[in-house]
N, C-alpha and C. Protein backbone atom coordinates (compact mmCIF):
# COMPACT_ATOMS: atom_id res chain seq x y z
N UNK A 1 -74.03 6.91 54.22
CA UNK A 1 -73.37 8.03 53.55
C UNK A 1 -72.84 8.98 54.61
N UNK A 2 -71.61 9.40 54.47
CA UNK A 2 -70.98 10.33 55.36
C UNK A 2 -71.37 11.76 54.97
N UNK A 3 -71.77 12.55 55.93
CA UNK A 3 -72.17 13.93 55.75
C UNK A 3 -71.51 14.82 56.76
N UNK A 4 -71.11 16.02 56.31
CA UNK A 4 -70.55 17.03 57.21
C UNK A 4 -71.72 17.90 57.72
N UNK A 5 -71.89 17.94 59.00
CA UNK A 5 -72.99 18.70 59.61
C UNK A 5 -72.53 20.12 59.90
N UNK A 6 -73.42 21.10 59.60
CA UNK A 6 -73.14 22.51 59.95
C UNK A 6 -74.46 23.17 60.27
N UNK A 7 -74.32 24.38 60.79
CA UNK A 7 -75.54 25.13 61.18
C UNK A 7 -75.56 26.47 60.42
N UNK A 8 -76.74 26.93 60.19
CA UNK A 8 -76.99 28.33 59.81
C UNK A 8 -78.09 28.77 60.77
N UNK A 9 -77.73 29.62 61.71
CA UNK A 9 -78.64 29.94 62.80
C UNK A 9 -78.84 28.70 63.63
N UNK A 10 -80.10 28.35 63.90
CA UNK A 10 -80.37 27.15 64.71
C UNK A 10 -80.74 25.94 63.83
N UNK A 11 -80.70 26.11 62.51
CA UNK A 11 -81.08 25.02 61.59
C UNK A 11 -79.87 24.19 61.25
N UNK A 12 -80.04 22.87 61.11
CA UNK A 12 -78.95 21.97 60.75
C UNK A 12 -79.00 21.63 59.27
N UNK A 13 -77.83 21.60 58.69
CA UNK A 13 -77.63 21.26 57.27
C UNK A 13 -76.48 20.29 57.17
N UNK A 14 -76.45 19.59 56.02
CA UNK A 14 -75.38 18.61 55.82
C UNK A 14 -74.95 18.62 54.36
N UNK A 15 -73.63 18.43 54.17
CA UNK A 15 -73.03 18.29 52.84
C UNK A 15 -72.43 16.91 52.72
N UNK A 16 -72.55 16.33 51.55
CA UNK A 16 -71.89 15.03 51.35
C UNK A 16 -70.38 15.19 51.45
N UNK A 17 -69.77 14.36 52.31
CA UNK A 17 -68.36 14.52 52.64
C UNK A 17 -67.43 14.29 51.44
N UNK A 18 -67.90 13.55 50.46
CA UNK A 18 -67.05 13.29 49.26
C UNK A 18 -66.75 14.56 48.49
N UNK A 19 -67.54 15.63 48.67
CA UNK A 19 -67.30 16.90 47.97
C UNK A 19 -66.39 17.81 48.75
N UNK A 20 -66.16 17.49 50.03
CA UNK A 20 -65.35 18.37 50.91
C UNK A 20 -63.85 18.06 50.68
N UNK A 21 -63.11 19.14 50.50
CA UNK A 21 -61.65 19.04 50.32
C UNK A 21 -61.00 19.18 51.68
N UNK A 22 -61.42 20.21 52.41
CA UNK A 22 -60.77 20.52 53.71
C UNK A 22 -61.67 21.44 54.49
N UNK A 23 -61.55 21.34 55.80
CA UNK A 23 -62.30 22.23 56.70
C UNK A 23 -61.24 23.07 57.42
N UNK A 24 -61.37 24.41 57.30
CA UNK A 24 -60.37 25.31 57.82
C UNK A 24 -60.95 26.24 58.88
N UNK A 25 -60.13 26.69 59.82
CA UNK A 25 -60.65 27.77 60.69
C UNK A 25 -60.88 29.02 59.82
N UNK A 26 -61.67 29.92 60.32
CA UNK A 26 -61.89 31.16 59.57
C UNK A 26 -60.61 31.94 59.49
N UNK A 27 -60.25 32.34 58.29
CA UNK A 27 -59.05 33.12 58.03
C UNK A 27 -59.44 34.54 57.61
N UNK A 28 -58.45 35.43 57.62
CA UNK A 28 -58.73 36.79 57.11
C UNK A 28 -59.11 36.71 55.63
N UNK A 29 -60.23 37.28 55.33
CA UNK A 29 -60.73 37.33 53.95
C UNK A 29 -60.56 38.73 53.37
N UNK A 30 -60.26 38.80 52.10
CA UNK A 30 -60.18 40.08 51.39
C UNK A 30 -61.62 40.40 50.93
N UNK A 31 -62.16 41.46 51.51
CA UNK A 31 -63.49 41.92 51.14
C UNK A 31 -63.40 42.72 49.83
N UNK A 32 -64.38 42.62 49.02
CA UNK A 32 -64.42 43.39 47.78
C UNK A 32 -65.62 44.34 47.84
N UNK A 33 -65.41 45.55 47.36
CA UNK A 33 -66.48 46.54 47.37
C UNK A 33 -67.56 46.15 46.35
N UNK A 34 -68.77 46.53 46.65
CA UNK A 34 -69.90 46.33 45.75
C UNK A 34 -70.16 44.90 45.37
N UNK A 35 -70.03 44.02 46.35
CA UNK A 35 -70.37 42.61 46.14
C UNK A 35 -71.60 42.28 46.96
N UNK A 36 -72.30 41.24 46.60
CA UNK A 36 -73.49 40.86 47.36
C UNK A 36 -73.19 40.52 48.81
N UNK A 37 -74.15 40.65 49.69
CA UNK A 37 -73.93 40.40 51.11
C UNK A 37 -73.52 38.95 51.38
N UNK A 38 -73.97 37.99 50.60
CA UNK A 38 -73.61 36.62 50.85
C UNK A 38 -72.17 36.29 50.51
N UNK A 39 -71.50 37.25 49.79
CA UNK A 39 -70.11 37.02 49.41
C UNK A 39 -69.22 37.52 50.54
N UNK A 40 -68.57 36.56 51.25
CA UNK A 40 -67.76 36.90 52.43
C UNK A 40 -66.39 37.49 52.06
N UNK A 41 -65.85 37.05 50.91
CA UNK A 41 -64.56 37.56 50.50
C UNK A 41 -63.74 36.48 49.76
N UNK A 42 -62.45 36.82 49.58
CA UNK A 42 -61.52 35.92 48.93
C UNK A 42 -60.37 35.59 49.81
N UNK A 43 -59.72 34.42 49.58
CA UNK A 43 -58.49 34.12 50.28
C UNK A 43 -57.63 33.22 49.42
N UNK A 44 -56.36 33.18 49.75
CA UNK A 44 -55.39 32.35 49.01
C UNK A 44 -55.37 30.96 49.64
N UNK A 45 -55.83 29.96 48.91
CA UNK A 45 -55.80 28.59 49.36
C UNK A 45 -54.83 27.80 48.56
N UNK A 46 -53.68 27.54 49.10
CA UNK A 46 -52.63 26.74 48.43
C UNK A 46 -52.32 27.27 47.02
N UNK A 47 -52.19 28.61 46.91
CA UNK A 47 -51.84 29.23 45.66
C UNK A 47 -52.99 29.55 44.72
N UNK A 48 -54.21 29.29 45.13
CA UNK A 48 -55.41 29.54 44.32
C UNK A 48 -56.25 30.56 45.08
N UNK A 49 -56.78 31.52 44.32
CA UNK A 49 -57.73 32.48 44.94
C UNK A 49 -59.11 31.83 45.00
N UNK A 50 -59.65 31.73 46.18
CA UNK A 50 -60.93 31.03 46.40
C UNK A 50 -61.97 32.00 46.93
N UNK A 51 -63.11 32.09 46.25
CA UNK A 51 -64.20 32.88 46.78
C UNK A 51 -64.88 32.13 47.96
N UNK A 52 -65.36 32.90 48.93
CA UNK A 52 -66.02 32.32 50.08
C UNK A 52 -67.40 32.95 50.20
N UNK A 53 -68.38 32.04 50.31
CA UNK A 53 -69.77 32.50 50.53
C UNK A 53 -70.15 32.24 52.00
N UNK A 54 -71.08 33.07 52.47
CA UNK A 54 -71.53 32.96 53.84
C UNK A 54 -72.88 32.24 53.82
N UNK A 55 -72.87 31.00 54.27
CA UNK A 55 -74.10 30.20 54.22
C UNK A 55 -75.18 30.71 55.14
N UNK A 56 -74.80 31.33 56.25
CA UNK A 56 -75.83 31.94 57.12
C UNK A 56 -76.55 33.08 56.40
N UNK A 57 -75.81 33.87 55.64
CA UNK A 57 -76.39 34.94 54.89
C UNK A 57 -77.34 34.42 53.81
N UNK A 58 -76.92 33.37 53.13
CA UNK A 58 -77.75 32.79 52.06
C UNK A 58 -78.98 32.10 52.66
N UNK A 59 -78.83 31.37 53.71
CA UNK A 59 -79.95 30.57 54.24
C UNK A 59 -80.80 31.29 55.27
N UNK A 60 -80.20 32.23 56.03
CA UNK A 60 -80.93 32.85 57.10
C UNK A 60 -81.03 34.40 57.00
N UNK A 61 -80.25 34.97 56.10
CA UNK A 61 -80.30 36.41 55.94
C UNK A 61 -79.45 37.23 56.91
N UNK A 62 -78.58 36.53 57.68
CA UNK A 62 -77.67 37.26 58.56
C UNK A 62 -76.31 36.55 58.50
N UNK A 63 -75.24 37.28 58.79
CA UNK A 63 -73.90 36.74 58.68
C UNK A 63 -73.60 35.69 59.73
N UNK A 64 -72.66 34.80 59.39
CA UNK A 64 -72.21 33.80 60.37
C UNK A 64 -71.63 34.50 61.59
N UNK A 65 -71.95 33.95 62.72
CA UNK A 65 -71.42 34.50 63.99
C UNK A 65 -70.04 33.94 64.23
N UNK A 66 -69.18 34.72 64.93
CA UNK A 66 -67.77 34.30 65.11
C UNK A 66 -67.57 33.29 66.24
N UNK A 67 -68.22 32.15 66.14
CA UNK A 67 -68.01 31.09 67.07
C UNK A 67 -66.61 30.50 66.88
N UNK A 68 -66.09 29.82 67.89
CA UNK A 68 -64.82 29.08 67.69
C UNK A 68 -65.00 27.98 66.67
N UNK A 69 -66.23 27.46 66.53
CA UNK A 69 -66.49 26.38 65.61
C UNK A 69 -66.98 26.86 64.24
N UNK A 70 -66.98 28.17 63.98
CA UNK A 70 -67.29 28.68 62.65
C UNK A 70 -66.08 28.34 61.76
N UNK A 71 -66.36 27.76 60.60
CA UNK A 71 -65.29 27.27 59.72
C UNK A 71 -65.57 27.66 58.26
N UNK A 72 -64.51 27.50 57.48
CA UNK A 72 -64.61 27.58 56.02
C UNK A 72 -64.45 26.20 55.49
N UNK A 73 -65.47 25.74 54.81
CA UNK A 73 -65.44 24.36 54.21
C UNK A 73 -65.06 24.55 52.74
N UNK A 74 -63.94 23.98 52.35
CA UNK A 74 -63.49 24.04 50.96
C UNK A 74 -64.12 22.83 50.26
N UNK A 75 -64.86 23.13 49.19
CA UNK A 75 -65.54 22.05 48.42
C UNK A 75 -65.16 22.13 46.96
N UNK A 76 -65.26 21.00 46.26
CA UNK A 76 -65.20 20.97 44.81
C UNK A 76 -66.52 21.49 44.29
N UNK A 77 -66.49 22.43 43.35
CA UNK A 77 -67.69 23.08 42.89
C UNK A 77 -67.69 23.08 41.38
N UNK A 78 -68.81 22.59 40.75
CA UNK A 78 -68.93 22.52 39.31
C UNK A 78 -69.91 23.57 38.89
N UNK A 79 -69.54 24.41 37.92
CA UNK A 79 -70.44 25.35 37.37
C UNK A 79 -70.51 25.09 35.88
N UNK A 80 -71.70 24.62 35.42
CA UNK A 80 -71.86 24.31 34.01
C UNK A 80 -70.86 23.30 33.51
N UNK A 81 -70.24 23.60 32.35
CA UNK A 81 -69.27 22.69 31.79
C UNK A 81 -67.83 23.05 32.15
N UNK A 82 -67.67 23.99 33.12
CA UNK A 82 -66.32 24.37 33.55
C UNK A 82 -65.68 23.24 34.38
N UNK A 83 -64.35 23.20 34.41
CA UNK A 83 -63.74 22.22 35.30
C UNK A 83 -64.05 22.51 36.74
N UNK A 84 -63.91 21.51 37.59
CA UNK A 84 -64.15 21.68 39.00
C UNK A 84 -63.26 22.75 39.60
N UNK A 85 -63.84 23.58 40.46
CA UNK A 85 -63.15 24.63 41.14
C UNK A 85 -63.30 24.49 42.62
N UNK A 86 -62.58 25.28 43.33
CA UNK A 86 -62.74 25.38 44.78
C UNK A 86 -63.71 26.50 45.14
N UNK A 87 -64.53 26.21 46.12
CA UNK A 87 -65.43 27.23 46.67
C UNK A 87 -65.35 27.12 48.18
N UNK A 88 -65.24 28.25 48.87
CA UNK A 88 -65.27 28.25 50.34
C UNK A 88 -66.67 28.51 50.84
N UNK A 89 -67.10 27.74 51.79
CA UNK A 89 -68.41 27.89 52.37
C UNK A 89 -68.19 28.19 53.88
N UNK A 90 -68.54 29.38 54.33
CA UNK A 90 -68.45 29.72 55.71
C UNK A 90 -69.73 29.29 56.42
N UNK A 91 -69.60 28.53 57.50
CA UNK A 91 -70.76 28.03 58.20
C UNK A 91 -70.46 27.99 59.69
N UNK A 92 -71.51 27.96 60.51
CA UNK A 92 -71.35 27.92 61.96
C UNK A 92 -71.39 26.48 62.46
N UNK A 93 -70.79 26.29 63.58
CA UNK A 93 -70.79 25.00 64.31
C UNK A 93 -70.53 23.80 63.40
N UNK A 94 -69.40 23.90 62.73
CA UNK A 94 -68.95 22.79 61.84
C UNK A 94 -68.14 21.86 62.75
N UNK A 95 -68.77 20.91 63.39
CA UNK A 95 -68.10 20.10 64.39
C UNK A 95 -68.28 18.61 64.27
N UNK A 96 -69.08 18.14 63.31
CA UNK A 96 -69.48 16.77 63.37
C UNK A 96 -69.64 16.17 61.97
N UNK A 97 -69.24 14.92 61.82
CA UNK A 97 -69.51 14.14 60.63
C UNK A 97 -70.49 13.06 61.07
N UNK A 98 -71.59 12.95 60.26
CA UNK A 98 -72.62 11.97 60.58
C UNK A 98 -72.66 10.91 59.49
N UNK A 99 -73.10 9.74 59.86
CA UNK A 99 -73.17 8.63 58.91
C UNK A 99 -74.58 8.07 58.93
N UNK A 100 -75.29 8.17 57.83
CA UNK A 100 -76.64 7.64 57.73
C UNK A 100 -76.71 6.75 56.50
N UNK A 101 -77.44 5.64 56.61
CA UNK A 101 -77.67 4.80 55.46
C UNK A 101 -78.66 5.48 54.55
N UNK A 102 -78.64 5.08 53.27
CA UNK A 102 -79.51 5.75 52.27
C UNK A 102 -81.00 5.66 52.62
N UNK A 103 -81.38 4.61 53.36
CA UNK A 103 -82.83 4.49 53.68
C UNK A 103 -83.25 5.46 54.75
N UNK A 104 -82.36 6.20 55.36
CA UNK A 104 -82.70 7.24 56.35
C UNK A 104 -83.08 8.57 55.72
N UNK A 105 -82.75 8.71 54.41
CA UNK A 105 -83.02 9.96 53.73
C UNK A 105 -84.42 9.96 53.19
N UNK A 106 -85.09 11.11 53.32
CA UNK A 106 -86.46 11.29 52.84
C UNK A 106 -86.41 12.39 51.78
N UNK A 107 -87.04 12.18 50.65
CA UNK A 107 -87.10 13.22 49.60
C UNK A 107 -88.02 14.33 50.08
N UNK A 108 -87.56 15.56 49.92
CA UNK A 108 -88.34 16.74 50.32
C UNK A 108 -89.04 17.28 49.09
N UNK A 109 -90.25 17.69 49.28
CA UNK A 109 -91.00 18.35 48.17
C UNK A 109 -90.98 19.87 48.39
N UNK A 110 -90.14 20.31 49.33
CA UNK A 110 -90.08 21.72 49.63
C UNK A 110 -88.81 22.28 49.05
N UNK A 111 -88.93 23.47 48.42
CA UNK A 111 -87.73 24.14 47.90
C UNK A 111 -86.86 24.57 49.09
N UNK A 112 -85.58 24.15 49.07
CA UNK A 112 -84.70 24.47 50.19
C UNK A 112 -84.05 25.80 50.07
N UNK A 113 -83.90 26.33 48.84
CA UNK A 113 -83.25 27.61 48.71
C UNK A 113 -83.82 28.35 47.49
N UNK A 114 -83.30 29.53 47.28
CA UNK A 114 -83.83 30.37 46.21
C UNK A 114 -83.56 29.81 44.82
N UNK A 115 -82.64 28.86 44.71
CA UNK A 115 -82.37 28.31 43.38
C UNK A 115 -83.48 27.32 42.95
N UNK A 116 -84.36 26.99 43.91
CA UNK A 116 -85.48 26.13 43.58
C UNK A 116 -85.18 24.64 43.64
N UNK A 117 -83.99 24.32 44.14
CA UNK A 117 -83.62 22.87 44.20
C UNK A 117 -84.35 22.21 45.35
N UNK A 118 -84.58 20.94 45.21
CA UNK A 118 -85.17 20.13 46.29
C UNK A 118 -84.09 19.20 46.78
N UNK A 119 -84.10 18.99 48.06
CA UNK A 119 -83.09 18.12 48.64
C UNK A 119 -83.68 17.03 49.49
N UNK A 120 -82.80 16.23 50.04
CA UNK A 120 -83.28 15.19 50.94
C UNK A 120 -83.12 15.73 52.34
N UNK A 121 -83.90 15.10 53.21
CA UNK A 121 -83.83 15.44 54.62
C UNK A 121 -83.58 14.19 55.43
N UNK A 122 -83.06 14.38 56.61
CA UNK A 122 -82.88 13.33 57.57
C UNK A 122 -83.64 13.76 58.83
N UNK A 123 -84.36 12.84 59.41
CA UNK A 123 -85.03 13.15 60.68
C UNK A 123 -84.39 12.25 61.74
N UNK A 124 -83.84 12.87 62.78
CA UNK A 124 -83.23 12.15 63.86
C UNK A 124 -83.87 12.59 65.18
N UNK A 125 -83.30 12.13 66.29
CA UNK A 125 -83.85 12.47 67.61
C UNK A 125 -83.78 13.95 67.93
N UNK A 126 -82.94 14.72 67.22
CA UNK A 126 -82.84 16.16 67.49
C UNK A 126 -83.66 17.02 66.50
N UNK A 127 -84.23 16.38 65.50
CA UNK A 127 -85.06 17.09 64.54
C UNK A 127 -84.68 16.83 63.11
N UNK A 128 -84.76 17.88 62.28
CA UNK A 128 -84.55 17.72 60.82
C UNK A 128 -83.17 18.24 60.46
N UNK A 129 -82.52 17.50 59.55
CA UNK A 129 -81.27 17.93 58.92
C UNK A 129 -81.56 18.04 57.44
N UNK A 130 -81.30 19.23 56.87
CA UNK A 130 -81.50 19.45 55.44
C UNK A 130 -80.19 19.12 54.71
N UNK A 131 -80.24 18.18 53.79
CA UNK A 131 -79.08 17.79 53.02
C UNK A 131 -79.01 18.68 51.76
N UNK A 132 -77.87 19.31 51.57
CA UNK A 132 -77.73 20.27 50.44
C UNK A 132 -76.64 19.79 49.51
N UNK A 133 -76.98 19.75 48.22
CA UNK A 133 -75.99 19.46 47.21
C UNK A 133 -75.12 20.69 46.96
N UNK A 134 -73.84 20.47 46.71
CA UNK A 134 -72.92 21.59 46.54
C UNK A 134 -73.35 22.53 45.46
N UNK A 135 -73.80 21.99 44.29
CA UNK A 135 -74.19 22.86 43.19
C UNK A 135 -75.47 23.63 43.51
N UNK A 136 -76.27 23.20 44.46
CA UNK A 136 -77.50 23.93 44.78
C UNK A 136 -77.29 24.91 45.92
N UNK A 137 -76.06 25.10 46.36
CA UNK A 137 -75.78 26.02 47.45
C UNK A 137 -76.09 27.48 47.08
N UNK A 138 -75.87 27.79 45.82
CA UNK A 138 -76.15 29.14 45.36
C UNK A 138 -77.12 29.11 44.18
N UNK A 139 -77.83 30.18 44.03
CA UNK A 139 -78.81 30.27 42.92
C UNK A 139 -78.07 30.47 41.61
N UNK A 140 -78.80 30.44 40.51
CA UNK A 140 -78.21 30.61 39.20
C UNK A 140 -77.57 32.01 39.08
N UNK A 141 -78.21 33.03 39.62
CA UNK A 141 -77.64 34.38 39.54
C UNK A 141 -76.39 34.49 40.40
N UNK A 142 -76.40 33.81 41.52
CA UNK A 142 -75.19 33.82 42.38
C UNK A 142 -74.04 33.09 41.68
N UNK A 143 -74.35 31.95 41.03
CA UNK A 143 -73.34 31.24 40.25
C UNK A 143 -72.79 32.10 39.15
N UNK A 144 -73.65 32.83 38.48
CA UNK A 144 -73.22 33.74 37.39
C UNK A 144 -72.28 34.79 37.93
N UNK A 145 -72.57 35.32 39.15
CA UNK A 145 -71.74 36.28 39.77
C UNK A 145 -70.33 35.69 39.98
N UNK A 146 -70.28 34.48 40.51
CA UNK A 146 -68.98 33.84 40.80
C UNK A 146 -68.22 33.60 39.47
N UNK A 147 -68.93 33.11 38.46
CA UNK A 147 -68.28 32.85 37.19
C UNK A 147 -67.71 34.11 36.57
N UNK A 148 -68.51 35.16 36.55
CA UNK A 148 -68.09 36.38 35.83
C UNK A 148 -67.04 37.18 36.57
N UNK A 149 -66.88 36.98 37.91
CA UNK A 149 -66.02 37.79 38.66
C UNK A 149 -64.73 37.09 39.15
N UNK A 150 -64.70 35.79 39.11
CA UNK A 150 -63.54 35.14 39.69
C UNK A 150 -63.01 34.04 38.76
N UNK A 151 -61.75 34.17 38.44
CA UNK A 151 -61.09 33.10 37.66
C UNK A 151 -60.63 32.10 38.65
N UNK A 152 -61.31 31.00 38.73
CA UNK A 152 -60.95 29.98 39.72
C UNK A 152 -59.59 29.47 39.40
């Protein structure tokens, strides 16, 4: 399975590449007042307004650092029974695609984020990679914020 590798702080995470639409350099985002800290802003992606979340803020509690390899990952995102939408995910050190067979994945019994989802992990020579499903990137309350505030 092909996975896009990224970092939040010093921890490694991976997204299934089939959900990724495009990987972009960080662009100027329109910040909105009175939004949660994890909400990085909005930008125009091919004529659509796309919300961008800061994965470092969600996973580590601090904003993504401005590395040359910090990117916005555009993914297909499903919320409930709504049609697929675009979501921007800002992450650090987005530089590599990895390929692991399904037998390399280990089910985790540990909650990976505040939404309570459990994910798979990969253990390689450098340590652990936490595999995150796109829909589990944000908690239910964060999804409700995105739904109620942005017409995808």
